[in-house]
PDB file of N, CA and C in Angstrom:
ATOM      1  N   MET A   1      64.839 -20.446  59.558  1.00  0.00           N
ATOM      2  CA  MET A   1      64.652 -19.177  58.904  1.00  0.00           C
ATOM      3  C   MET A   1      63.157 -18.908  58.745  1.00  0.00           C
ATOM      4  N   THR A   2      62.814 -17.659  58.727  1.00  0.00           N
ATOM      5  CA  THR A   2      61.442 -17.228  58.510  1.00  0.00           C
ATOM      6  C   THR A   2      61.410 -16.336  57.273  1.00  0.00           C
ATOM      7  N   TYR A   3      60.438 -16.583  56.423  1.00  0.00           N
ATOM      8  CA  TYR A   3      60.280 -15.788  55.209  1.00  0.00           C
ATOM      9  C   TYR A   3      58.889 -15.177  55.195  1.00  0.00           C
ATOM     10  N   SER A   4      58.803 -13.912  54.840  1.00  0.00           N
ATOM     11  CA  SER A   4      57.516 -13.215  54.779  1.00  0.00           C
ATOM     12  C   SER A   4      56.796 -13.539  53.484  1.00  0.00           C
ATOM     13  N   THR A   5      55.460 -13.593  53.590  1.00  0.00           N
ATOM     14  CA  THR A   5      54.606 -13.720  52.410  1.00  0.00           C
ATOM     15  C   THR A   5      53.535 -12.646  52.511  1.00  0.00           C
ATOM     16  N   GLY A   6      52.541 -12.719  51.657  1.00  0.00           N
ATOM     17  CA  GLY A   6      51.480 -11.722  51.661  1.00  0.00           C
ATOM     18  C   GLY A   6      50.415 -12.010  52.701  1.00  0.00           C
ATOM     19  N   THR A   7      49.280 -11.325  52.566  1.00  0.00           N
ATOM     20  CA  THR A   7      48.172 -11.423  53.507  1.00  0.00           C
ATOM     21  C   THR A   7      47.378 -12.705  53.292  1.00  0.00           C
ATOM     22  N   SER A   8      47.151 -13.442  54.359  1.00  0.00           N
ATOM     23  CA  SER A   8      46.362 -14.686  54.356  1.00  0.00           C
ATOM     24  C   SER A   8      46.873 -15.722  53.360  1.00  0.00           C
ATOM     25  N   PRO A   9      48.112 -16.174  53.536  1.00  0.00           N
ATOM     26  CA  PRO A   9      48.607 -17.233  52.653  1.00  0.00           C
ATOM     27  C   PRO A   9      47.755 -18.485  52.824  1.00  0.00           C
ATOM     28  N   ASN A  10      47.351 -19.102  51.708  1.00  0.00           N
ATOM     29  CA  ASN A  10      46.479 -20.268  51.823  1.00  0.00           C
ATOM     30  C   ASN A  10      46.901 -21.454  50.977  1.00  0.00           C
ATOM     31  N   SER A  11      47.838 -21.288  50.080  1.00  0.00           N
ATOM     32  CA  SER A  11      48.330 -22.392  49.258  1.00  0.00           C
ATOM     33  C   SER A  11      49.806 -22.178  48.988  1.00  0.00           C
ATOM     34  N   VAL A  12      50.523 -23.291  48.852  1.00  0.00           N
ATOM     35  CA  VAL A  12      51.949 -23.207  48.553  1.00  0.00           C
ATOM     36  C   VAL A  12      52.296 -24.254  47.498  1.00  0.00           C
ATOM     37  N   ALA A  13      53.224 -23.896  46.628  1.00  0.00           N
ATOM     38  CA  ALA A  13      53.737 -24.831  45.627  1.00  0.00           C
ATOM     39  C   ALA A  13      55.253 -24.722  45.624  1.00  0.00           C
ATOM     40  N   VAL A  14      55.905 -25.846  45.426  1.00  0.00           N
ATOM     41  CA  VAL A  14      57.363 -25.891  45.369  1.00  0.00           C
ATOM     42  C   VAL A  14      57.758 -26.510  44.037  1.00  0.00           C
ATOM     43  N   GLY A  15      58.705 -25.884  43.366  1.00  0.00           N
ATOM     44  CA  GLY A  15      59.192 -26.396  42.089  1.00  0.00           C
ATOM     45  C   GLY A  15      60.294 -25.502  41.568  1.00  0.00           C
ATOM     46  N   ASP A  16      60.886 -25.896  40.475  1.00  0.00           N
ATOM     47  CA  ASP A  16      61.923 -25.083  39.840  1.00  0.00           C
ATOM     48  C   ASP A  16      61.248 -24.188  38.806  1.00  0.00           C
ATOM     49  N   PHE A  17      60.763 -23.044  39.248  1.00  0.00           N
ATOM     50  CA  PHE A  17      59.957 -22.175  38.399  1.00  0.00           C
ATOM     51  C   PHE A  17      60.772 -21.291  37.456  1.00  0.00           C
ATOM     52  N   ASN A  18      62.063 -21.161  37.695  1.00  0.00           N
ATOM     53  CA  ASN A  18      62.885 -20.326  36.814  1.00  0.00           C
ATOM     54  C   ASN A  18      63.986 -21.125  36.103  1.00  0.00           C
ATOM     55  N   ASN A  19      63.862 -22.449  36.108  1.00  0.00           N
ATOM     56  CA  ASN A  19      64.764 -23.342  35.364  1.00  0.00           C
ATOM     57  C   ASN A  19      66.242 -23.175  35.693  1.00  0.00           C
ATOM     58  N   ASP A  20      66.550 -22.972  36.983  1.00  0.00           N
ATOM     59  CA  ASP A  20      67.955 -22.890  37.380  1.00  0.00           C
ATOM     60  C   ASP A  20      68.402 -24.112  38.185  1.00  0.00           C
ATOM     61  N   THR A  21      67.590 -25.145  38.239  1.00  0.00           N
ATOM     62  CA  THR A  21      67.796 -26.413  38.960  1.00  0.00           C
ATOM     63  C   THR A  21      67.658 -26.296  40.471  1.00  0.00           C
ATOM     64  N   HIS A  22      67.244 -25.144  40.993  1.00  0.00           N
ATOM     65  CA  HIS A  22      67.031 -24.960  42.431  1.00  0.00           C
ATOM     66  C   HIS A  22      65.533 -24.865  42.710  1.00  0.00           C
ATOM     67  N   LEU A  23      65.101 -25.456  43.839  1.00  0.00           N
ATOM     68  CA  LEU A  23      63.693 -25.387  44.201  1.00  0.00           C
ATOM     69  C   LEU A  23      63.302 -23.979  44.628  1.00  0.00           C
ATOM     70  N   ASP A  24      62.140 -23.540  44.187  1.00  0.00           N
ATOM     71  CA  ASP A  24      61.569 -22.236  44.502  1.00  0.00           C
ATOM     72  C   ASP A  24      60.229 -22.459  45.199  1.00  0.00           C
ATOM     73  N   ILE A  25      59.699 -21.404  45.814  1.00  0.00           N
ATOM     74  CA  ILE A  25      58.424 -21.470  46.521  1.00  0.00           C
ATOM     75  C   ILE A  25      57.495 -20.398  45.961  1.00  0.00           C
ATOM     76  N   VAL A  26      56.240 -20.781  45.727  1.00  0.00           N
ATOM     77  CA  VAL A  26      55.200 -19.821  45.346  1.00  0.00           C
ATOM     78  C   VAL A  26      54.057 -19.968  46.336  1.00  0.00           C
ATOM     79  N   VAL A  27      53.578 -18.835  46.863  1.00  0.00           N
ATOM     80  CA  VAL A  27      52.506 -18.828  47.855  1.00  0.00           C
ATOM     81  C   VAL A  27      51.355 -17.978  47.339  1.00  0.00           C
ATOM     82  N   ALA A  28      50.136 -18.525  47.396  1.00  0.00           N
ATOM     83  CA  ALA A  28      48.932 -17.761  47.053  1.00  0.00           C
ATOM     84  C   ALA A  28      48.429 -17.064  48.309  1.00  0.00           C
ATOM     85  N   ASN A  29      48.212 -15.760  48.218  1.00  0.00           N
ATOM     86  CA  ASN A  29      47.764 -14.944  49.350  1.00  0.00           C
ATOM     87  C   ASN A  29      46.340 -14.467  49.077  1.00  0.00           C
ATOM     88  N   SER A  30      45.358 -15.146  49.690  1.00  0.00           N
ATOM     89  CA  SER A  30      43.956 -14.947  49.306  1.00  0.00           C
ATOM     90  C   SER A  30      43.418 -13.551  49.589  1.00  0.00           C
ATOM     91  N   LYS A  31      43.666 -12.998  50.749  1.00  0.00           N
ATOM     92  CA  LYS A  31      43.100 -11.675  51.053  1.00  0.00           C
ATOM     93  C   LYS A  31      43.869 -10.538  50.406  1.00  0.00           C
ATOM     94  N   GLY A  32      45.130 -10.767  50.072  1.00  0.00           N
ATOM     95  CA  GLY A  32      45.914  -9.734  49.418  1.00  0.00           C
ATOM     96  C   GLY A  32      45.794  -9.750  47.911  1.00  0.00           C
ATOM     97  N   ASN A  33      45.123 -10.792  47.370  1.00  0.00           N
ATOM     98  CA  ASN A  33      44.993 -10.946  45.919  1.00  0.00           C
ATOM     99  C   ASN A  33      46.345 -10.887  45.225  1.00  0.00           C
ATOM    100  N   THR A  34      47.305 -11.641  45.790  1.00  0.00           N
ATOM    101  CA  THR A  34      48.659 -11.682  45.252  1.00  0.00           C
ATOM    102  C   THR A  34      49.206 -13.100  45.324  1.00  0.00           C
ATOM    103  N   VAL A  35      50.297 -13.326  44.609  1.00  0.00           N
ATOM    104  CA  VAL A  35      51.131 -14.499  44.823  1.00  0.00           C
ATOM    105  C   VAL A  35      52.523 -14.004  45.169  1.00  0.00           C
ATOM    106  N   SER A  36      53.171 -14.718  46.073  1.00  0.00           N
ATOM    107  CA  SER A  36      54.536 -14.394  46.474  1.00  0.00           C
ATOM    108  C   SER A  36      55.465 -15.455  45.907  1.00  0.00           C
ATOM    109  N   VAL A  37      56.557 -15.027  45.298  1.00  0.00           N
ATOM    110  CA  VAL A  37      57.542 -15.938  44.733  1.00  0.00           C
ATOM    111  C   VAL A  37      58.846 -15.755  45.495  1.00  0.00           C
ATOM    112  N   LEU A  38      59.367 -16.872  46.008  1.00  0.00           N
ATOM    113  CA  LEU A  38      60.650 -16.872  46.704  1.00  0.00           C
ATOM    114  C   LEU A  38      61.563 -17.817  45.937  1.00  0.00           C
ATOM    115  N   LEU A  39      62.580 -17.278  45.291  1.00  0.00           N
ATOM    116  CA  LEU A  39      63.479 -18.085  44.483  1.00  0.00           C
ATOM    117  C   LEU A  39      64.552 -18.715  45.357  1.00  0.00           C
ATOM    118  N   GLY A  40      64.838 -19.990  45.090  1.00  0.00           N
ATOM    119  CA  GLY A  40      65.820 -20.714  45.882  1.00  0.00           C
ATOM    120  C   GLY A  40      67.238 -20.478  45.400  1.00  0.00           C
ATOM    121  N   TYR A  41      68.165 -20.413  46.367  1.00  0.00           N
ATOM    122  CA  TYR A  41      69.584 -20.274  46.054  1.00  0.00           C
ATOM    123  C   TYR A  41      70.268 -21.628  45.871  1.00  0.00           C
ATOM    124  N   GLY A  42      69.588 -22.719  46.239  1.00  0.00           N
ATOM    125  CA  GLY A  42      70.176 -24.046  46.121  1.00  0.00           C
ATOM    126  C   GLY A  42      70.903 -24.507  47.363  1.00  0.00           C
ATOM    127  N   ASN A  43      70.912 -23.677  48.398  1.00  0.00           N
ATOM    128  CA  ASN A  43      71.591 -24.025  49.649  1.00  0.00           C
ATOM    129  C   ASN A  43      70.622 -24.069  50.828  1.00  0.00           C
ATOM    130  N   GLY A  44      69.322 -24.131  50.540  1.00  0.00           N
ATOM    131  CA  GLY A  44      68.309 -24.148  51.587  1.00  0.00           C
ATOM    132  C   GLY A  44      67.769 -22.781  51.950  1.00  0.00           C
ATOM    133  N   SER A  45      68.275 -21.727  51.332  1.00  0.00           N
ATOM    134  CA  SER A  45      67.768 -20.380  51.596  1.00  0.00           C
ATOM    135  C   SER A  45      67.107 -19.834  50.331  1.00  0.00           C
ATOM    136  N   PHE A  46      66.336 -18.767  50.533  1.00  0.00           N
ATOM    137  CA  PHE A  46      65.528 -18.209  49.455  1.00  0.00           C
ATOM    138  C   PHE A  46      65.642 -16.693  49.435  1.00  0.00           C
ATOM    139  N   THR A  47      65.335 -16.099  48.278  1.00  0.00           N
ATOM    140  CA  THR A  47      65.291 -14.646  48.164  1.00  0.00           C
ATOM    141  C   THR A  47      64.111 -14.115  48.968  1.00  0.00           C
ATOM    142  N   ASP A  48      64.114 -12.822  49.248  1.00  0.00           N
ATOM    143  CA  ASP A  48      62.912 -12.188  49.776  1.00  0.00           C
ATOM    144  C   ASP A  48      61.830 -12.323  48.713  1.00  0.00           C
ATOM    145  N   GLN A  49      60.600 -12.256  49.146  1.00  0.00           N
ATOM    146  CA  GLN A  49      59.488 -12.441  48.219  1.00  0.00           C
ATOM    147  C   GLN A  49      59.425 -11.355  47.150  1.00  0.00           C
ATOM    148  N   THR A  50      59.030 -11.765  45.976  1.00  0.00           N
ATOM    149  CA  THR A  50      58.593 -10.857  44.929  1.00  0.00           C
ATOM    150  C   THR A  50      57.099 -11.090  44.814  1.00  0.00           C
ATOM    151  N   THR A  51      56.320 -10.022  44.855  1.00  0.00           N
ATOM    152  CA  THR A  51      54.868 -10.154  44.893  1.00  0.00           C
ATOM    153  C   THR A  51      54.263  -9.726  43.562  1.00  0.00           C
ATOM    154  N   TYR A  52      53.310 -10.531  43.100  1.00  0.00           N
ATOM    155  CA  TYR A  52      52.601 -10.250  41.855  1.00  0.00           C
ATOM    156  C   TYR A  52      51.110 -10.172  42.142  1.00  0.00           C
ATOM    157  N   SER A  53      50.459  -9.160  41.603  1.00  0.00           N
ATOM    158  CA  SER A  53      49.011  -9.019  41.756  1.00  0.00           C
ATOM    159  C   SER A  53      48.298 -10.070  40.920  1.00  0.00           C
ATOM    160  N   THR A  54      47.154 -10.514  41.433  1.00  0.00           N
ATOM    161  CA  THR A  54      46.333 -11.496  40.727  1.00  0.00           C
ATOM    162  C   THR A  54      44.888 -11.017  40.730  1.00  0.00           C
ATOM    163  N   GLY A  55      44.014 -11.839  40.246  1.00  0.00           N
ATOM    164  CA  GLY A  55      42.588 -11.572  40.367  1.00  0.00           C
ATOM    165  C   GLY A  55      42.146 -11.828  41.796  1.00  0.00           C
ATOM    166  N   SER A  56      40.874 -11.833  42.015  1.00  0.00           N
ATOM    167  CA  SER A  56      40.302 -12.007  43.344  1.00  0.00           C
ATOM    168  C   SER A  56      40.615 -13.382  43.922  1.00  0.00           C
ATOM    169  N   GLN A  57      41.135 -13.403  45.112  1.00  0.00           N
ATOM    170  CA  GLN A  57      41.445 -14.595  45.905  1.00  0.00           C
ATOM    171  C   GLN A  57      42.128 -15.707  45.112  1.00  0.00           C
ATOM    172  N   PRO A  58      43.415 -15.551  44.838  1.00  0.00           N
ATOM    173  CA  PRO A  58      44.136 -16.595  44.086  1.00  0.00           C
ATOM    174  C   PRO A  58      44.167 -17.920  44.841  1.00  0.00           C
TER     175      PRO A  58
END
């Protein structure tokens, strides 16, 4: 599977960020000044990204 993220992804973190016992993915997008959050379903697939604005080059 392929999942979209923001512009110039440069860092990734994996963890259970919403406390549902499923692994999620967060990607820092340096040129877009955003982070992308992909929540895990627990079956190896993830939601489409939700994007949050950040300061300069997260």
